[in-house]
Amino acid sequence: MDRVTDRGTRRVLAAALVAVGVALFAARALPRFRDPALFAEDGEIFLAGAYNEGLAALLEPYAGYLHLVPRLVAAATVWVPITAVPLVYLVATVVIHLAFLAPALSRRLDPVLPSALYRSGLFVSLCLLPALWEVYGNIANLIFAAATALTLVVISVDPRTRPGRWIEIVAIGLIGLSGPLIVLFVPFFVWRWLRLGRTRHSLAVTIVAVATAAVQLSVYLSSDRSTPGGGTVTILVRSAVERVGGGYLVGHRAGFVGALGSPTAVAAALWLTAAVVLTCWAVGRIAVPLWLLFVVLLASAVNAYGPIVLASGEALQRHITTPMAIVVILMWVTIASRALTAVRVVAAGLLLCGALGVVRDFAPEPYPFRPDLRPLERCVEADAGVCRQLIFGPGWEVVLAPDGPRLVGGTPTDG
């Protein structure tokens, strides 16, 4: 009976931790709930696409790739008043972001996180991840939150039920058609297939990943997208230390970039080095592939944007989210491992080093420009043809013409 009681107590505690994680994650949105506004692409690309093109917008490329999940959200909420769209988008993205973190709670992680308490702890840590100003609460950057879900999936075992297997296949398909990161994950799905004994389901998931990656690559290669480039190994190392390590320790609000000799830079370098050495020694079979994924994700951003990655604590923050999540995942896997108690204690200490970053970055600030959308709504209701509204900041504008001439690049045309 004692063992049964103890198991029940742990389940209750795990459920309580999940509830706390959900509540805290939702609470992070309070500043934006009080003053909701449209993020850049949320208005100019996805809201406009849903209104102007209807369902045809679902497979409309933007910036060199498809964005199926963001466009589905926009399509599903096109019926709400325009003035309510910012709030609806915010609520929808908070819910979907939590869904992307939910794989942390799955028993499919039992081989690396054999207790519901460990999985709940990981879930809470991911809910409190620092440096989320850019990613949190907008549909445009859901594709980068989805990368954390992909990371959790590649270290999981196969679903035990047929519905679970179909849900995973559909989810990978949706995520794969919602951004370019699926291309980088393909080798890691192959690794999962090999690690799990080449199961039929893992092969099916890998095929879906390969197929969606091929679609995204073909869209990219046929687009005119270009990036500044200029990445170097030095920028990659500095990005890992300053943006991931520094962002975790002190949060993005500290603006920690460009100070290699500072105490914070030294602390960040020591923290990241300790995390690499500790996890590779304790759980190398999982840690080595995940650190490789860490490098691949960060290197892709550095290669595309070069020194812009180091421009500020907020620059390209979307590319920092999943590398930081990988470190947190590995800390929890080490804590849950059979390594020496001292190793597990150090891992817990490294995890807790992010407390300051969590506090500083807990509540992302509202967007800088929060215009009244009532004139835009009245314009659309009056069938005025082409209706325009500046949003977010310089260069961002919503252009709506749902019943008017077709829009090409924001300019009306009879096409």
Protein backbone atom coordinates (compact mmCIF):
# COMPACT_ATOMS: atom_id res chain seq x y z
CA MET A 1 0.00 0.00 0.00
CA ASP A 2 2.85 2.40 0.79
CA ARG A 3 4.27 1.97 -2.68
CA VAL A 4 0.86 2.54 -4.26
CA THR A 5 0.30 5.61 -2.08
CA ASP A 6 3.71 6.99 -2.98
CA ARG A 7 3.00 6.48 -6.68
CA GLY A 8 -0.34 8.26 -6.35
CA THR A 9 1.28 11.15 -4.50
CA ARG A 10 3.85 11.56 -7.25
CA ARG A 11 1.13 11.60 -9.89
CA VAL A 12 -0.77 14.29 -8.02
CA LEU A 13 2.41 16.33 -7.65
CA ALA A 14 3.20 15.88 -11.34
CA ALA A 15 -0.30 17.03 -12.30
CA ALA A 16 0.06 20.03 -10.00
CA LEU A 17 3.35 20.95 -11.67
CA VAL A 18 1.73 20.78 -15.09
CA ALA A 19 -1.08 23.06 -13.91
CA VAL A 20 1.47 25.51 -12.51
CA GLY A 21 3.40 25.42 -15.78
CA VAL A 22 0.29 26.15 -17.85
CA ALA A 23 -0.76 28.96 -15.50
CA LEU A 24 2.68 30.56 -15.54
CA PHE A 25 2.96 30.30 -19.31
CA ALA A 26 -0.43 31.97 -19.72
CA ALA A 27 0.51 34.61 -17.12
CA ARG A 28 3.48 35.59 -19.25
CA ALA A 29 0.98 37.04 -21.72
CA LEU A 30 -0.61 39.49 -19.26
CA PRO A 31 1.13 42.63 -20.60
CA ARG A 32 0.03 41.71 -24.12
CA PHE A 33 -3.45 40.71 -22.95
CA ARG A 34 -3.87 44.17 -21.45
CA ASP A 35 -2.78 45.88 -24.65
CA PRO A 36 -3.03 43.43 -27.58
CA ALA A 37 -1.65 44.35 -30.98
CA LEU A 38 -0.68 42.70 -34.23
CA PHE A 39 2.82 41.36 -34.69
CA ALA A 40 4.49 42.19 -38.02
CA GLU A 41 3.67 39.25 -40.31
CA ASP A 42 0.57 38.43 -38.30
CA GLY A 43 -1.12 41.43 -39.87
CA GLU A 44 0.65 42.12 -43.13
CA ILE A 45 0.92 38.51 -44.33
CA PHE A 46 -1.46 36.18 -42.48
CA LEU A 47 -4.43 38.40 -41.64
CA ALA A 48 -4.30 40.00 -45.09
CA GLY A 49 -3.90 36.63 -46.79
CA ALA A 50 -6.88 35.13 -44.97
CA TYR A 51 -9.12 38.10 -45.82
CA ASN A 52 -7.95 38.71 -49.37
CA GLU A 53 -7.37 35.19 -50.67
CA GLY A 54 -9.41 32.92 -48.41
CA LEU A 55 -8.35 29.27 -48.32
CA ALA A 56 -6.09 29.82 -51.32
CA ALA A 57 -3.69 31.55 -48.93
CA LEU A 58 -3.02 28.30 -47.04
CA LEU A 59 -0.38 27.21 -49.52
CA GLU A 60 0.89 30.67 -50.41
CA PRO A 61 4.68 30.86 -49.85
CA TYR A 62 6.17 33.71 -47.87
CA ALA A 63 9.88 34.49 -47.37
CA GLY A 64 10.83 31.38 -49.31
CA TYR A 65 8.74 28.71 -47.62
CA LEU A 66 5.24 27.61 -46.61
CA HIS A 67 3.60 28.60 -43.29
CA LEU A 68 0.67 26.19 -43.05
CA VAL A 69 0.05 26.33 -39.26
CA PRO A 70 0.07 30.17 -39.03
CA ARG A 71 -2.16 30.42 -42.08
CA LEU A 72 -4.58 27.83 -40.63
CA VAL A 73 -4.89 29.94 -37.48
CA ALA A 74 -5.55 33.04 -39.59
CA ALA A 75 -8.10 31.19 -41.73
CA ALA A 76 -9.89 29.78 -38.69
CA THR A 77 -10.26 33.23 -37.11
CA VAL A 78 -11.17 35.30 -40.17
CA TRP A 79 -14.78 35.45 -38.93
CA VAL A 80 -13.96 37.49 -35.81
CA PRO A 81 -14.12 41.31 -35.86
CA ILE A 82 -10.84 42.84 -37.01
CA THR A 83 -10.53 44.72 -33.73
CA ALA A 84 -10.59 41.38 -31.89
CA VAL A 85 -7.97 39.71 -34.09
CA PRO A 86 -4.91 40.68 -31.98
CA LEU A 87 -6.45 39.15 -28.86
CA VAL A 88 -7.69 36.07 -30.70
CA TYR A 89 -4.26 35.50 -32.23
CA LEU A 90 -2.66 35.89 -28.81
CA VAL A 91 -4.97 33.34 -27.16
CA ALA A 92 -4.63 30.92 -30.06
CA THR A 93 -0.85 31.07 -30.06
CA VAL A 94 -0.57 30.60 -26.31
CA VAL A 95 -2.68 27.43 -26.61
CA ILE A 96 -0.79 26.11 -29.65
CA HIS A 97 2.59 26.92 -28.10
CA LEU A 98 1.58 24.92 -25.03
CA ALA A 99 0.57 22.06 -27.34
CA PHE A 100 4.06 22.16 -28.85
CA LEU A 101 5.51 21.80 -25.34
CA ALA A 102 3.12 18.97 -24.41
CA PRO A 103 5.35 16.18 -25.83
CA ALA A 104 7.55 16.82 -22.79
CA LEU A 105 4.81 15.17 -20.72
CA SER A 106 4.48 12.05 -22.85
CA ARG A 107 5.35 8.60 -21.53
CA ARG A 108 7.12 8.11 -24.81
CA LEU A 109 10.04 9.86 -23.08
CA ASP A 110 10.20 7.12 -20.43
CA PRO A 111 13.62 5.83 -21.61
CA VAL A 112 15.20 9.20 -20.84
CA LEU A 113 12.71 10.67 -18.35
CA PRO A 114 11.33 7.64 -16.49
CA SER A 115 9.14 9.54 -14.05
CA ALA A 116 6.13 11.80 -14.53
CA LEU A 117 7.77 14.20 -12.08
CA TYR A 118 10.81 14.59 -14.31
CA ARG A 119 8.63 15.14 -17.35
CA SER A 120 6.51 17.68 -15.50
CA GLY A 121 9.65 19.46 -14.37
CA LEU A 122 10.87 19.65 -17.96
CA PHE A 123 7.48 20.99 -19.07
CA VAL A 124 7.57 23.76 -16.45
CA SER A 125 11.15 24.67 -17.42
CA LEU A 126 10.15 24.98 -21.06
CA CYS A 127 7.15 27.11 -20.07
CA LEU A 128 9.52 29.49 -18.28
CA LEU A 129 12.23 29.58 -20.95
CA PRO A 130 13.87 33.02 -21.18
CA ALA A 131 14.34 35.01 -24.37
CA LEU A 132 10.84 34.58 -25.81
CA TRP A 133 9.96 38.21 -26.63
CA GLU A 134 9.89 37.56 -30.38
CA VAL A 135 8.42 34.06 -30.32
CA TYR A 136 5.76 34.38 -27.63
CA GLY A 137 2.18 35.20 -28.52
CA ASN A 138 2.23 35.61 -32.31
CA ILE A 139 1.33 33.19 -35.07
CA ALA A 140 4.27 34.12 -37.31
CA ASN A 141 6.83 32.52 -34.99
CA LEU A 142 4.85 29.42 -34.07
CA ILE A 143 7.06 27.61 -36.57
CA PHE A 144 10.04 28.17 -34.27
CA ALA A 145 8.14 27.03 -31.18
CA ALA A 146 7.30 23.92 -33.19
CA ALA A 147 11.02 23.12 -33.45
CA THR A 148 11.03 22.37 -29.71
CA ALA A 149 8.24 19.86 -30.32
CA LEU A 150 10.29 18.27 -33.11
CA THR A 151 13.26 17.97 -30.73
CA LEU A 152 11.12 16.16 -28.16
CA VAL A 153 9.69 13.87 -30.85
CA VAL A 154 13.09 12.77 -32.16
CA ILE A 155 14.18 11.60 -28.68
CA SER A 156 10.87 9.83 -28.02
CA VAL A 157 9.90 6.24 -28.72
CA ASP A 158 7.06 5.33 -31.06
CA PRO A 159 3.44 5.90 -29.95
CA ARG A 160 1.83 2.78 -28.52
CA THR A 161 -1.60 3.23 -30.12
CA ARG A 162 -2.77 3.55 -33.70
CA PRO A 163 -4.47 6.96 -33.06
CA GLY A 164 -1.24 8.15 -31.46
CA ARG A 165 0.75 7.09 -34.50
CA TRP A 166 -1.60 8.88 -36.88
CA ILE A 167 -1.59 12.02 -34.72
CA GLU A 168 2.20 12.09 -34.82
CA ILE A 169 2.32 11.64 -38.60
CA VAL A 170 -0.23 14.42 -39.17
CA ALA A 171 1.55 16.71 -36.69
CA ILE A 172 4.91 16.20 -38.40
CA GLY A 173 3.26 16.90 -41.74
CA LEU A 174 1.68 20.14 -40.50
CA ILE A 175 4.90 21.32 -38.85
CA GLY A 176 6.94 20.28 -41.87
CA LEU A 177 4.80 22.46 -44.12
CA SER A 178 5.12 25.37 -41.68
CA GLY A 179 8.71 26.46 -42.00
CA PRO A 180 12.20 25.58 -43.17
CA LEU A 181 13.47 23.93 -39.98
CA ILE A 182 12.13 20.52 -41.03
CA VAL A 183 15.02 20.38 -43.53
CA LEU A 184 17.51 20.53 -40.65
CA PHE A 185 15.62 17.88 -38.67
CA VAL A 186 15.59 15.20 -41.38
CA PRO A 187 18.93 13.59 -40.32
CA PHE A 188 17.68 13.43 -36.74
CA PHE A 189 14.50 11.63 -37.76
CA VAL A 190 16.74 9.14 -39.53
CA TRP A 191 18.71 8.83 -36.27
CA ARG A 192 15.47 8.16 -34.40
CA TRP A 193 14.53 5.47 -36.93
CA LEU A 194 17.90 3.76 -36.47
CA ARG A 195 17.86 4.19 -32.68
CA LEU A 196 14.43 2.58 -32.36
CA GLY A 197 15.36 -0.48 -34.40
CA ARG A 198 14.10 0.71 -37.77
CA THR A 199 10.43 0.42 -36.82
CA ARG A 200 7.74 0.81 -39.47
CA HIS A 201 6.23 3.84 -37.74
CA SER A 202 9.54 5.68 -37.36
CA LEU A 203 10.17 5.01 -41.04
CA ALA A 204 6.77 6.50 -41.90
CA VAL A 205 7.52 9.58 -39.78
CA THR A 206 10.92 9.94 -41.46
CA ILE A 207 9.31 9.70 -44.90
CA VAL A 208 6.85 12.47 -43.97
CA ALA A 209 9.75 14.60 -42.72
CA VAL A 210 11.70 14.00 -45.92
CA ALA A 211 8.68 14.72 -48.11
CA THR A 212 7.82 18.00 -46.37
CA ALA A 213 11.48 19.00 -46.36
CA ALA A 214 11.59 18.40 -50.12
CA VAL A 215 8.53 20.61 -50.57
CA GLN A 216 10.06 23.41 -48.51
CA LEU A 217 13.35 23.14 -50.36
CA SER A 218 11.63 23.31 -53.73
CA VAL A 219 9.65 26.36 -52.63
CA TYR A 220 12.81 28.03 -51.35
CA LEU A 221 14.83 27.30 -54.47
CA SER A 222 12.08 28.72 -56.67
CA SER A 223 11.80 31.89 -54.57
CA ASP A 224 13.83 35.08 -54.75
CA ARG A 225 14.64 35.11 -51.04
CA SER A 226 18.13 36.20 -50.08
CA THR A 227 19.81 36.66 -46.69
CA PRO A 228 22.77 38.85 -45.68
CA GLY A 229 25.06 35.91 -44.87
CA GLY A 230 28.56 36.43 -43.50
CA GLY A 231 28.58 33.69 -40.89
CA THR A 232 31.86 32.55 -39.36
CA VAL A 233 32.93 30.04 -36.72
CA THR A 234 33.68 32.96 -34.40
CA ILE A 235 30.15 34.31 -34.75
CA LEU A 236 28.77 30.81 -34.18
CA VAL A 237 30.74 30.38 -30.95
CA ARG A 238 29.82 33.86 -29.75
CA SER A 239 26.16 33.21 -30.58
CA ALA A 240 26.22 30.00 -28.53
CA VAL A 241 27.91 31.73 -25.58
CA GLU A 242 26.29 35.17 -25.67
CA ARG A 243 22.85 34.52 -27.09
CA VAL A 244 22.12 31.03 -25.71
CA GLY A 245 24.29 30.94 -22.58
CA GLY A 246 24.01 34.64 -21.77
CA GLY A 247 20.32 34.73 -22.67
CA TYR A 248 19.65 31.82 -20.32
CA LEU A 249 21.63 33.29 -17.43
CA VAL A 250 20.56 36.93 -17.57
CA GLY A 251 17.70 37.12 -20.09
CA HIS A 252 17.44 39.16 -23.26
CA ARG A 253 16.54 42.36 -21.38
CA ALA A 254 20.15 42.65 -20.25
CA GLY A 255 21.10 43.10 -23.91
CA PHE A 256 24.07 40.81 -23.39
CA VAL A 257 26.04 40.84 -26.62
CA GLY A 258 29.45 42.10 -27.68
CA ALA A 259 31.21 41.94 -24.31
CA LEU A 260 33.51 38.92 -24.54
CA GLY A 261 35.68 39.91 -21.59
CA SER A 262 32.84 40.72 -19.22
CA PRO A 263 32.08 38.59 -16.15
CA THR A 264 28.74 37.63 -17.69
CA ALA A 265 30.46 36.40 -20.87
CA VAL A 266 32.90 34.32 -18.86
CA ALA A 267 30.07 32.90 -16.75
CA ALA A 268 28.06 32.08 -19.88
CA ALA A 269 31.03 30.34 -21.50
CA LEU A 270 31.72 28.30 -18.36
CA TRP A 271 28.03 27.42 -17.99
CA LEU A 272 27.71 26.22 -21.58
CA THR A 273 30.99 24.28 -21.44
CA ALA A 274 29.94 22.59 -18.21
CA ALA A 275 26.59 21.68 -19.76
CA VAL A 276 28.25 20.09 -22.81
CA VAL A 277 30.83 18.12 -20.81
CA LEU A 278 28.41 17.00 -18.12
CA THR A 279 25.63 15.82 -20.43
CA CYS A 280 27.95 14.08 -22.89
CA TRP A 281 29.57 12.19 -20.04
CA ALA A 282 26.32 11.26 -18.29
CA VAL A 283 23.94 10.62 -21.21
CA GLY A 284 26.17 10.65 -24.27
CA ARG A 285 23.91 8.55 -26.52
CA ILE A 286 21.25 11.25 -26.35
CA ALA A 287 23.46 14.26 -25.62
CA VAL A 288 25.82 13.97 -28.59
CA PRO A 289 23.05 13.98 -31.25
CA LEU A 290 21.19 16.79 -29.45
CA TRP A 291 24.32 18.95 -29.19
CA LEU A 292 24.84 18.32 -32.89
CA LEU A 293 21.26 19.52 -33.47
CA PHE A 294 22.07 22.55 -31.30
CA VAL A 295 25.02 23.39 -33.57
CA VAL A 296 23.09 22.76 -36.78
CA LEU A 297 20.18 25.02 -35.76
CA LEU A 298 22.42 27.83 -34.57
CA ALA A 299 24.82 27.52 -37.50
CA SER A 300 21.96 27.80 -39.99
CA ALA A 301 20.97 31.17 -38.50
CA VAL A 302 24.58 32.36 -38.33
CA ASN A 303 25.21 31.30 -41.92
CA ALA A 304 22.08 33.13 -43.10
CA TYR A 305 22.42 36.34 -41.10
CA GLY A 306 26.07 36.62 -40.06
CA PRO A 307 26.84 39.34 -37.48
CA ILE A 308 23.17 40.38 -37.29
CA VAL A 309 22.72 37.47 -34.85
CA LEU A 310 24.90 39.43 -32.41
CA ALA A 311 23.22 42.79 -32.99
CA SER A 312 21.28 42.72 -29.71
CA GLY A 313 19.64 40.46 -27.16
CA GLU A 314 16.43 40.53 -29.21
CA ALA A 315 17.84 40.19 -32.72
CA LEU A 316 16.66 36.98 -34.45
CA GLN A 317 15.56 35.66 -31.08
CA ARG A 318 13.41 33.07 -32.83
CA HIS A 319 16.60 31.21 -33.78
CA ILE A 320 17.75 31.07 -30.15
CA THR A 321 14.62 29.47 -28.67
CA THR A 322 15.16 25.84 -29.65
CA PRO A 323 18.94 25.73 -28.99
CA MET A 324 18.19 27.03 -25.49
CA ALA A 325 15.40 24.46 -25.10
CA ILE A 326 17.84 21.70 -26.11
CA VAL A 327 20.14 22.63 -23.23
CA VAL A 328 17.20 22.55 -20.80
CA ILE A 329 16.04 19.17 -22.12
CA LEU A 330 19.53 17.72 -21.68
CA MET A 331 19.75 19.06 -18.12
CA TRP A 332 16.57 17.21 -17.21
CA VAL A 333 17.66 14.03 -18.98
CA THR A 334 20.89 14.15 -16.95
CA ILE A 335 19.00 14.77 -13.70
CA ALA A 336 16.79 11.75 -14.46
CA SER A 337 19.70 9.52 -15.48
CA ARG A 338 21.53 6.87 -13.48
CA ALA A 339 24.65 9.00 -13.29
CA LEU A 340 26.39 9.68 -10.00
CA THR A 341 24.40 11.75 -7.55
CA ALA A 342 27.02 14.50 -7.73
CA VAL A 343 26.61 14.71 -11.51
CA ARG A 344 22.85 14.99 -11.20
CA VAL A 345 23.18 17.68 -8.53
CA VAL A 346 25.49 19.71 -10.76
CA ALA A 347 23.01 19.35 -13.63
CA ALA A 348 20.25 20.66 -11.37
CA GLY A 349 22.49 23.54 -10.37
CA LEU A 350 23.18 24.42 -14.00
CA LEU A 351 19.45 24.34 -14.67
CA LEU A 352 18.73 26.68 -11.75
CA CYS A 353 21.32 29.14 -13.04
CA GLY A 354 18.60 30.39 -15.38
CA ALA A 355 16.47 31.77 -12.54
CA LEU A 356 17.56 35.37 -13.17
CA GLY A 357 16.86 35.05 -16.89
CA VAL A 358 13.42 33.62 -16.17
CA VAL A 359 12.53 36.49 -13.85
CA ARG A 360 13.83 39.19 -16.20
CA ASP A 361 12.11 37.73 -19.26
CA PHE A 362 8.98 36.41 -17.59
CA ALA A 363 6.48 38.82 -19.11
CA PRO A 364 7.34 39.87 -22.70
CA GLU A 365 6.59 43.53 -23.28
CA PRO A 366 3.73 44.60 -25.57
CA TYR A 367 4.61 45.41 -29.15
CA PRO A 368 5.97 48.92 -29.65
CA PHE A 369 3.17 50.18 -31.94
CA ARG A 370 -0.41 49.35 -31.01
CA PRO A 371 -2.77 51.22 -33.33
CA ASP A 372 -6.53 51.40 -33.07
CA LEU A 373 -7.95 48.94 -35.63
CA ARG A 374 -11.46 50.38 -35.59
CA PRO A 375 -10.91 52.57 -38.69
CA LEU A 376 -9.69 49.51 -40.59
CA GLU A 377 -12.73 47.53 -39.46
CA ARG A 378 -15.12 50.32 -40.48
CA CYS A 379 -13.41 50.59 -43.85
CA VAL A 380 -13.88 46.87 -44.53
CA GLU A 381 -17.51 46.93 -43.33
CA ALA A 382 -18.23 49.86 -45.64
CA ASP A 383 -16.95 47.90 -48.67
CA ALA A 384 -14.54 50.74 -49.34
CA GLY A 385 -12.36 48.63 -51.62
CA VAL A 386 -8.76 48.69 -50.44
CA CYS A 387 -8.33 49.35 -46.71
CA ARG A 388 -4.93 50.07 -45.12
CA GLN A 389 -3.60 50.22 -41.58
CA LEU A 390 -0.03 50.65 -40.30
CA ILE A 391 0.93 48.13 -37.61
CA PHE A 392 3.86 47.03 -35.41
CA GLY A 393 6.53 49.41 -36.68
CA PRO A 394 8.05 51.08 -39.74
CA GLY A 395 7.40 49.17 -42.96
CA TRP A 396 4.57 46.97 -41.67
CA GLU A 397 1.04 47.49 -42.99
CA VAL A 398 -2.22 45.56 -43.29
CA VAL A 399 -3.86 45.92 -46.71
CA LEU A 400 -7.34 44.38 -46.95
CA ALA A 401 -9.48 44.05 -50.06
CA PRO A 402 -11.63 40.94 -49.47
CA ASP A 403 -14.20 41.80 -52.14
CA GLY A 404 -12.13 44.17 -54.21
CA PRO A 405 -9.40 43.79 -56.83
CA ARG A 406 -6.75 41.18 -56.40
CA LEU A 407 -3.67 42.39 -54.48
CA VAL A 408 -0.13 41.94 -55.71
CA GLY A 409 2.50 43.05 -53.20
CA GLY A 410 -0.04 45.27 -51.41
CA THR A 411 -0.98 47.10 -54.64
CA PRO A 412 -4.47 46.66 -56.12
CA THR A 413 -4.70 45.23 -59.58
CA ASP A 414 -7.50 43.92 -61.75
CA GLY A 415 -5.18 41.02 -62.75
